Amino acid sequence: MPSGFPTPWPVRRQFFDLVCAGTPVLEAERRVGVSRNVGSAWWRKAGAMVLRKGVRATGLAEPGDRSRPGGCGHRLSYDERVVIMRGRDQGLTQAAIADQLGRDPSVISREIKRNRNPDGDYHAGLAHGRAAQNAKRPKVFKLNDTSLCGAIERWMDDGWSPKLIAEVLARDHPDDRLARVSHETIYKCLYVQGRGQLRADLNKCLSTKRAARKHRGSTERRGKFNDVIAISQRPAVVDDRAVPGHWEGDLILGAGCTSAIGTLVERSTRFTILLHLPDDHTAESVATAMIEAMNELPAHLRRTITWDRGSEMANWHDISLQLQAPVYFCDPHSPWQRGSNENTNRLLRFWFEKGTDLSGYTKADLKQVQDKLNSRPRPTLDLDTPAQRLAALLNQAA
């Protein structure tokens, strides 16, 4: 029995049993021998579960299915909830109750937290009805707050994913559930009409912009070469991301692979640099743009570069010499070996869609996108931004 629960305990338990079984409240009060309105007060303190309405209607409005046998699926049955109630009455631990039911102790813990009464008691009938009530569909939709919808729309217009938005809201409003929303709720609002107040066209702001999954069997048309330093020779210290200054790079290709933008991502901070390639993406153009951009960094922030085996890096010897940073190349058909860059390129497709001409973007355009991406909170950085992490490294060096 929960500590501090008011007496008479057996009488109160009997009253709840009667009402959950379908006995009217007045009749239940008479049967357990208490005066009128005492049982009603008990019922209110226990959470005031909704009762059926009507002259002959009795019992809980949502009593739940009591016929389903125990151990059938992940949902607890009524019989299992009776075992939990009796186990608590006997003072058993949650682990001991779980052993009796053949369930994980976490299942018992969550059940008690979710479906116990506000006064701390756990009653099987009330818990079973409460679980049935909480499982009803459709639920009241949560994304109807105008200011919250406005914030979500602004973030999605800047390319933020629903997952990132949900994590930032949870970080900024840890004690206010009304100011938070899950990423699943945002997706439902995007794809189900009438499920909230977000703009109808907001689903076009998702990074993939695809109506269906895309087949990945296409053949890449970029030239390859093999006279390289393989990634297997790269120092092991690069892998754990503890030391900054190790970069991953590749090209984002435009329509017909005739236009491109170079991308460089620092592995530790996820800071991104975009290379302006307005005319072509030959080895000479890529080398010139990369050397110019990375020479603005201090030497300790340009330790290594890892790139795909595309012909645009044929002048890698010159790049390595000018930047004093060795260049390593991934194995063929192994994009996961530069995963930070792959993920960043996917995010960049929000602004630079596949199949479009990329030659029209100016250097200022690329700088604007670069700043937006570097000022976006990242879950991998505990919701810090890449710009914040890089600034901290520069301040330490200073």
Protein backbone atom coordinates (compact mmCIF):
# COMPACT_ATOMS: atom_id res chain seq x y z
CA MET A 1 0.00 0.00 0.00
CA PRO A 2 1.41 3.47 -0.88
CA SER A 3 2.70 5.30 2.16
CA GLY A 4 0.43 7.98 3.61
CA PHE A 5 -2.69 6.71 1.81
CA PRO A 6 -5.75 7.67 3.88
CA THR A 7 -7.90 5.01 5.55
CA PRO A 8 -10.09 3.03 5.26
CA TRP A 9 -8.00 1.33 2.57
CA PRO A 10 -10.02 -1.90 2.00
CA VAL A 11 -13.28 0.06 1.82
CA ARG A 12 -11.93 2.47 -0.76
CA ARG A 13 -10.52 -0.38 -2.87
CA GLN A 14 -13.89 -2.19 -2.74
CA PHE A 15 -15.67 0.99 -3.83
CA PHE A 16 -13.40 1.37 -6.89
CA ASP A 17 -13.91 -2.30 -7.78
CA LEU A 18 -17.69 -1.87 -7.73
CA VAL A 19 -17.75 1.30 -9.84
CA CYS A 20 -15.33 -0.10 -12.44
CA ALA A 21 -17.46 -3.25 -12.64
CA GLY A 22 -20.53 -1.18 -13.52
CA THR A 23 -22.16 -0.38 -10.18
CA PRO A 24 -23.57 3.17 -9.95
CA VAL A 25 -21.69 5.45 -7.56
CA LEU A 26 -24.66 5.87 -5.18
CA GLU A 27 -25.20 2.11 -5.03
CA ALA A 28 -21.47 1.49 -4.51
CA GLU A 29 -21.45 3.96 -1.61
CA ARG A 30 -24.39 2.13 -0.04
CA ARG A 31 -22.77 -1.29 -0.45
CA VAL A 32 -19.47 -0.31 1.19
CA GLY A 33 -21.29 1.50 3.99
CA VAL A 34 -20.22 5.11 3.53
CA SER A 35 -22.38 8.20 3.49
CA ARG A 36 -23.52 9.86 0.31
CA ASN A 37 -20.90 11.98 -1.56
CA VAL A 38 -17.98 10.32 0.24
CA GLY A 39 -17.50 7.92 -2.66
CA SER A 40 -17.78 10.79 -5.14
CA ALA A 41 -14.97 12.57 -3.32
CA TRP A 42 -12.85 9.41 -3.47
CA TRP A 43 -13.53 9.16 -7.19
CA ARG A 44 -12.47 12.76 -7.83
CA LYS A 45 -9.21 12.31 -5.90
CA ALA A 46 -8.51 9.13 -7.88
CA GLY A 47 -8.57 11.09 -11.15
CA ALA A 48 -12.31 11.34 -11.89
CA MET A 49 -12.37 8.81 -14.72
CA VAL A 50 -15.29 9.51 -17.07
CA LEU A 51 -18.37 7.35 -16.43
CA ARG A 52 -21.03 6.38 -18.93
CA LYS A 53 -23.95 8.76 -19.20
CA GLY A 54 -27.64 7.86 -19.24
CA VAL A 55 -30.34 6.53 -16.95
CA ARG A 56 -29.27 2.89 -17.23
CA ALA A 57 -25.63 3.47 -18.21
CA THR A 58 -23.08 2.30 -15.64
CA GLY A 59 -19.33 1.81 -15.39
CA LEU A 60 -16.39 3.51 -17.03
CA ALA A 61 -16.90 5.26 -20.35
CA GLU A 62 -13.66 3.59 -21.52
CA PRO A 63 -13.36 0.37 -19.48
CA GLY A 64 -10.90 -1.30 -21.87
CA ASP A 65 -10.95 -4.86 -23.14
CA ARG A 66 -10.76 -7.26 -20.17
CA SER A 67 -11.05 -10.42 -22.26
CA ARG A 68 -7.57 -10.29 -23.82
CA PRO A 69 -5.25 -12.83 -22.16
CA GLY A 70 -2.05 -11.79 -20.42
CA GLY A 71 1.29 -11.95 -22.20
CA CYS A 72 -0.38 -11.29 -25.57
CA GLY A 73 1.59 -8.56 -27.34
CA HIS A 74 3.27 -5.53 -25.83
CA ARG A 75 0.14 -4.09 -24.19
CA LEU A 76 -0.68 -5.15 -20.66
CA SER A 77 -3.93 -7.04 -20.08
CA TYR A 78 -6.39 -6.44 -17.28
CA ASP A 79 -5.27 -9.64 -15.53
CA GLU A 80 -1.68 -8.43 -15.62
CA ARG A 81 -2.71 -5.13 -14.09
CA VAL A 82 -4.44 -7.05 -11.29
CA VAL A 83 -1.13 -8.83 -10.60
CA ILE A 84 0.62 -5.45 -10.46
CA MET A 85 -2.00 -4.09 -8.05
CA ARG A 86 -1.76 -7.09 -5.73
CA GLY A 87 2.00 -7.08 -5.88
CA ARG A 88 2.10 -3.44 -4.78
CA ASP A 89 -0.37 -4.22 -2.00
CA GLN A 90 2.00 -6.96 -0.81
CA GLY A 91 4.98 -4.63 -0.90
CA LEU A 92 6.75 -6.46 -3.75
CA THR A 93 9.39 -4.67 -5.80
CA GLN A 94 8.76 -3.84 -9.43
CA ALA A 95 11.41 -6.39 -10.41
CA ALA A 96 9.58 -9.12 -8.46
CA ILE A 97 6.27 -8.21 -10.12
CA ALA A 98 7.98 -8.27 -13.51
CA ASP A 99 9.29 -11.78 -12.80
CA GLN A 100 5.76 -12.96 -12.03
CA LEU A 101 4.49 -11.60 -15.33
CA GLY A 102 7.50 -12.48 -17.46
CA ARG A 103 7.88 -8.80 -18.36
CA ASP A 104 10.82 -6.42 -18.28
CA PRO A 105 10.92 -4.30 -15.08
CA SER A 106 10.83 -1.14 -17.19
CA VAL A 107 7.36 -2.17 -18.45
CA ILE A 108 6.07 -2.28 -14.87
CA SER A 109 7.73 1.03 -14.02
CA ARG A 110 6.22 2.83 -17.02
CA GLU A 111 2.79 1.30 -16.38
CA ILE A 112 2.70 2.54 -12.79
CA LYS A 113 3.90 6.02 -13.71
CA ARG A 114 1.42 6.38 -16.57
CA ASN A 115 -1.73 4.86 -15.12
CA ARG A 116 -1.63 5.23 -11.36
CA ASN A 117 -4.07 7.56 -9.62
CA PRO A 118 -3.04 11.14 -8.80
CA ASP A 119 -2.98 10.20 -5.10
CA GLY A 120 -0.33 7.50 -5.74
CA ASP A 121 -2.58 4.42 -5.57
CA TYR A 122 -2.57 1.90 -8.41
CA HIS A 123 -5.93 0.29 -9.07
CA ALA A 124 -6.19 -2.32 -11.84
CA GLY A 125 -9.64 -1.32 -13.09
CA LEU A 126 -8.88 2.40 -13.14
CA ALA A 127 -5.46 1.79 -14.72
CA HIS A 128 -6.96 -0.40 -17.44
CA GLY A 129 -9.61 2.20 -18.24
CA ARG A 130 -7.02 4.99 -18.19
CA ALA A 131 -4.83 3.07 -20.66
CA ALA A 132 -7.81 2.53 -22.98
CA GLN A 133 -8.71 6.21 -22.81
CA ASN A 134 -5.14 7.31 -23.61
CA ALA A 135 -5.01 4.91 -26.58
CA LYS A 136 -8.12 6.34 -28.26
CA ARG A 137 -7.77 7.66 -31.82
CA PRO A 138 -7.89 10.21 -33.21
CA LYS A 139 -6.17 12.26 -30.52
CA VAL A 140 -6.45 16.01 -30.20
CA PHE A 141 -3.78 17.42 -32.49
CA LYS A 142 -1.06 19.40 -30.75
CA LEU A 143 0.27 21.72 -33.46
CA ASN A 144 -2.31 24.49 -33.42
CA ASP A 145 -0.32 27.17 -31.60
CA THR A 146 0.20 30.12 -33.97
CA SER A 147 3.51 31.32 -32.54
CA LEU A 148 4.94 27.78 -32.45
CA CYS A 149 3.87 27.16 -36.05
CA GLY A 150 5.49 30.44 -37.06
CA ALA A 151 8.80 29.42 -35.51
CA ILE A 152 8.68 26.01 -37.19
CA GLU A 153 7.95 27.61 -40.57
CA ARG A 154 10.88 30.04 -40.23
CA TRP A 155 13.28 27.23 -39.32
CA MET A 156 12.07 24.98 -42.14
CA ASP A 157 12.41 27.88 -44.59
CA ASP A 158 16.09 27.89 -43.57
CA GLY A 159 16.37 24.15 -44.23
CA TRP A 160 16.04 22.81 -40.68
CA SER A 161 14.73 19.25 -40.43
CA PRO A 162 11.71 18.37 -38.23
CA LYS A 163 14.05 16.27 -36.07
CA LEU A 164 16.38 19.20 -35.42
CA ILE A 165 13.46 21.54 -34.69
CA ALA A 166 12.06 19.09 -32.12
CA GLU A 167 15.44 18.77 -30.38
CA VAL A 168 16.01 22.54 -30.23
CA LEU A 169 12.52 23.10 -28.79
CA ALA A 170 13.15 20.41 -26.17
CA ARG A 171 16.45 22.05 -25.24
CA ASP A 172 15.03 25.58 -25.03
CA HIS A 173 11.80 24.64 -23.19
CA PRO A 174 12.62 21.71 -20.87
CA ASP A 175 9.82 22.54 -18.43
CA ASP A 176 7.10 23.68 -20.86
CA ARG A 177 5.46 20.81 -22.73
CA LEU A 178 3.17 23.19 -24.62
CA ALA A 179 6.18 24.87 -26.23
CA ARG A 180 7.59 21.56 -27.49
CA VAL A 181 6.53 19.24 -30.29
CA SER A 182 7.89 15.94 -31.62
CA HIS A 183 9.29 15.57 -35.13
CA GLU A 184 6.57 12.98 -35.86
CA THR A 185 3.90 15.57 -35.13
CA ILE A 186 5.54 17.98 -37.58
CA TYR A 187 5.67 15.29 -40.28
CA LYS A 188 2.00 14.46 -39.71
CA CYS A 189 1.12 18.12 -40.04
CA LEU A 190 3.06 18.28 -43.33
CA TYR A 191 1.51 15.24 -44.94
CA VAL A 192 -2.01 14.99 -43.46
CA GLN A 193 -4.42 17.73 -44.46
CA GLY A 194 -6.15 19.55 -41.62
CA ARG A 195 -3.67 18.33 -38.98
CA GLY A 196 -2.41 21.71 -37.81
CA GLN A 197 -1.68 25.24 -38.95
CA LEU A 198 1.59 24.84 -40.89
CA ARG A 199 1.66 26.10 -44.48
CA ALA A 200 0.43 23.58 -47.02
CA ASP A 201 3.58 23.90 -49.15
CA LEU A 202 6.04 23.47 -46.28
CA ASN A 203 6.80 19.85 -47.17
CA LYS A 204 8.81 21.24 -50.11
CA CYS A 205 11.31 22.57 -47.57
CA LEU A 206 12.41 19.05 -46.59
CA SER A 207 15.97 18.42 -47.72
CA THR A 208 15.24 15.53 -50.11
CA LYS A 209 12.20 17.11 -51.84
CA ARG A 210 11.32 13.62 -53.10
CA ALA A 211 7.88 12.07 -53.34
CA ALA A 212 9.42 8.57 -53.17
CA ARG A 213 12.72 6.83 -52.51
CA LYS A 214 15.24 7.13 -55.31
CA HIS A 215 16.95 4.11 -56.81
CA ARG A 216 20.69 4.24 -56.11
CA GLY A 217 21.84 2.07 -59.01
CA SER A 218 22.91 4.95 -61.27
CA THR A 219 26.50 5.06 -62.49
CA GLU A 220 28.63 8.05 -61.60
CA ARG A 221 30.08 9.77 -64.66
CA ARG A 222 33.02 11.53 -63.02
CA GLY A 223 36.48 10.31 -64.04
CA LYS A 224 38.61 8.36 -61.58
CA PHE A 225 42.33 7.93 -60.93
CA ASN A 226 44.39 5.67 -58.71
CA ASP A 227 47.70 7.48 -58.07
CA VAL A 228 46.68 8.54 -54.55
CA ILE A 229 47.38 8.13 -50.83
CA ALA A 230 44.65 5.75 -49.64
CA ILE A 231 42.53 6.45 -46.58
CA SER A 232 43.99 3.34 -44.94
CA GLN A 233 47.23 5.34 -44.54
CA ARG A 234 45.49 8.20 -42.77
CA PRO A 235 46.51 8.60 -39.09
CA ALA A 236 44.18 6.89 -36.61
CA VAL A 237 43.83 10.14 -34.64
CA VAL A 238 41.58 11.47 -37.42
CA ASP A 239 38.88 8.90 -36.72
CA ASP A 240 37.93 9.93 -33.16
CA ARG A 241 37.38 13.63 -34.06
CA ALA A 242 39.14 14.72 -30.87
CA VAL A 243 41.72 16.80 -32.74
CA PRO A 244 40.36 19.55 -35.03
CA GLY A 245 41.72 20.43 -38.44
CA HIS A 246 40.81 17.31 -40.42
CA TRP A 247 38.58 18.01 -43.44
CA GLU A 248 36.39 15.99 -45.77
CA GLY A 249 35.49 17.24 -49.24
CA ASP A 250 33.59 16.55 -52.44
CA LEU A 251 31.63 18.26 -55.20
CA ILE A 252 27.91 18.96 -55.45
CA LEU A 253 27.11 18.53 -59.15
CA GLY A 254 24.47 20.44 -61.08
CA ALA A 255 22.41 19.56 -64.15
CA GLY A 256 24.30 17.33 -66.56
CA CYS A 257 27.33 17.39 -64.25
CA THR A 258 28.46 20.57 -66.05
CA SER A 259 28.28 22.89 -63.01
CA ALA A 260 29.44 22.22 -59.47
CA ILE A 261 30.08 23.63 -56.00
CA GLY A 262 32.95 22.37 -53.87
CA THR A 263 32.26 21.47 -50.23
CA LEU A 264 34.69 21.08 -47.33
CA VAL A 265 33.58 19.97 -43.84
CA GLU A 266 35.74 19.96 -40.72
CA ARG A 267 35.20 16.64 -38.92
CA SER A 268 35.32 17.91 -35.33
CA THR A 269 33.18 21.07 -35.59
CA ARG A 270 31.20 20.25 -38.79
CA PHE A 271 32.15 23.73 -40.01
CA THR A 272 31.50 23.98 -43.76
CA ILE A 273 33.35 25.88 -46.49
CA LEU A 274 31.82 26.23 -49.97
CA LEU A 275 34.13 26.55 -52.98
CA HIS A 276 32.97 28.83 -55.79
CA LEU A 277 33.44 27.13 -59.18
CA PRO A 278 31.52 29.38 -61.59
CA ASP A 279 33.13 28.26 -64.86
CA ASP A 280 34.08 24.59 -64.49
CA HIS A 281 35.22 21.98 -61.99
CA THR A 282 38.49 20.92 -63.54
CA ALA A 283 41.44 19.92 -61.40
CA GLU A 284 42.99 23.38 -61.85
CA SER A 285 39.85 25.25 -60.81
CA VAL A 286 39.22 23.05 -57.77
CA ALA A 287 42.84 23.32 -56.61
CA THR A 288 42.82 27.11 -56.95
CA ALA A 289 39.55 27.53 -55.07
CA MET A 290 40.55 25.14 -52.28
CA ILE A 291 43.96 26.68 -51.70
CA GLU A 292 42.47 30.18 -51.60
CA ALA A 293 39.72 29.23 -49.12
CA MET A 294 41.79 27.09 -46.76
CA ASN A 295 44.75 29.49 -46.65
CA GLU A 296 42.50 31.75 -44.56
CA LEU A 297 42.61 29.15 -41.77
CA PRO A 298 45.45 28.90 -39.23
CA ALA A 299 47.87 26.04 -39.85
CA HIS A 300 46.61 23.97 -36.88
CA LEU A 301 43.11 23.88 -38.46
CA ARG A 302 44.24 22.34 -41.75
CA ARG A 303 45.92 19.09 -40.81
CA THR A 304 44.49 16.64 -43.39
CA ILE A 305 42.00 16.53 -46.26
CA THR A 306 39.99 13.44 -47.26
CA TRP A 307 38.34 13.41 -50.70
CA ASP A 308 36.51 11.11 -53.07
CA ARG A 309 38.48 9.66 -56.03
CA GLY A 310 37.16 12.12 -58.58
CA SER A 311 39.33 13.51 -61.38
CA GLU A 312 38.77 17.04 -60.03
CA MET A 313 41.48 16.20 -57.46
CA ALA A 314 44.15 15.27 -60.00
CA ASN A 315 46.27 18.21 -58.74
CA TRP A 316 46.22 16.94 -55.17
CA HIS A 317 50.04 17.15 -54.99
CA ASP A 318 49.88 20.94 -55.45
CA ILE A 319 47.08 21.26 -52.89
CA SER A 320 49.02 19.27 -50.32
CA LEU A 321 52.18 21.29 -50.93
CA GLN A 322 50.50 24.71 -50.77
CA LEU A 323 48.43 23.94 -47.66
CA GLN A 324 51.01 21.76 -45.93
CA ALA A 325 48.26 19.18 -45.39
CA PRO A 326 48.32 15.62 -46.75
CA VAL A 327 45.41 14.61 -48.99
CA TYR A 328 43.90 11.13 -48.52
CA PHE A 329 41.41 9.42 -50.82
CA CYS A 330 38.48 7.15 -49.98
CA ASP A 331 38.23 3.65 -51.35
CA PRO A 332 36.17 3.34 -54.56
CA HIS A 333 32.38 3.37 -53.98
CA SER A 334 32.82 4.04 -50.25
CA PRO A 335 31.12 7.40 -49.52
CA TRP A 336 30.62 6.46 -45.85
CA GLN A 337 34.37 6.96 -45.35
CA ARG A 338 33.66 10.71 -45.53
CA GLY A 339 30.30 10.58 -43.77
CA SER A 340 30.36 14.13 -42.38
CA ASN A 341 30.72 15.53 -45.88
CA GLU A 342 28.02 13.24 -47.28
CA ASN A 343 25.57 14.36 -44.61
CA THR A 344 26.43 18.03 -45.16
CA ASN A 345 25.96 17.70 -48.92
CA ARG A 346 22.51 16.27 -48.27
CA LEU A 347 21.68 19.32 -46.14
CA LEU A 348 23.02 21.64 -48.84
CA ARG A 349 20.60 20.17 -51.37
CA PHE A 350 17.93 22.25 -49.60
CA TRP A 351 19.42 25.27 -51.39
CA PHE A 352 21.12 23.57 -54.36
CA GLU A 353 18.57 21.14 -55.76
CA LYS A 354 19.63 18.24 -57.93
CA GLY A 355 19.10 18.76 -61.63
CA THR A 356 19.53 22.55 -61.46
CA ASP A 357 22.27 24.73 -62.95
CA LEU A 358 24.70 25.72 -60.18
CA SER A 359 26.83 28.09 -62.26
CA GLY A 360 24.51 31.04 -61.61
CA TYR A 361 25.31 31.26 -57.89
CA THR A 362 27.71 34.04 -56.97
CA LYS A 363 30.41 33.88 -54.33
CA ALA A 364 28.17 36.02 -52.11
CA ASP A 365 25.32 33.53 -52.57
CA LEU A 366 27.55 30.68 -51.42
CA LYS A 367 28.75 32.71 -48.42
CA GLN A 368 25.15 33.33 -47.37
CA VAL A 369 24.28 29.62 -47.51
CA GLN A 370 27.54 28.72 -45.79
CA ASP A 371 26.74 31.10 -42.91
CA LYS A 372 23.20 29.73 -42.58
CA LEU A 373 24.46 26.16 -42.36
CA ASN A 374 27.23 27.01 -39.91
CA SER A 375 24.80 28.84 -37.62
CA ARG A 376 22.40 25.89 -37.47
CA PRO A 377 22.39 23.85 -34.21
CA ARG A 378 23.64 20.30 -34.68
CA PRO A 379 22.52 17.32 -32.56
CA THR A 380 26.02 15.81 -32.97
CA LEU A 381 27.41 18.94 -31.26
CA ASP A 382 24.90 18.89 -28.37
CA LEU A 383 22.95 21.56 -30.28
CA ASP A 384 25.91 23.92 -30.51
CA THR A 385 26.52 25.40 -33.95
CA PRO A 386 29.60 24.72 -36.10
CA ALA A 387 30.40 28.44 -36.00
CA GLN A 388 30.39 28.39 -32.19
CA ARG A 389 32.70 25.38 -32.07
CA LEU A 390 35.13 26.88 -34.59
CA ALA A 391 35.14 30.24 -32.79
CA ALA A 392 36.01 28.45 -29.54
CA LEU A 393 38.99 26.79 -31.23
CA LEU A 394 40.19 30.10 -32.68
CA ASN A 395 39.86 31.80 -29.30
CA GLN A 396 41.89 29.04 -27.65
CA ALA A 397 44.63 29.49 -30.22
CA ALA A 398 44.62 33.27 -29.70
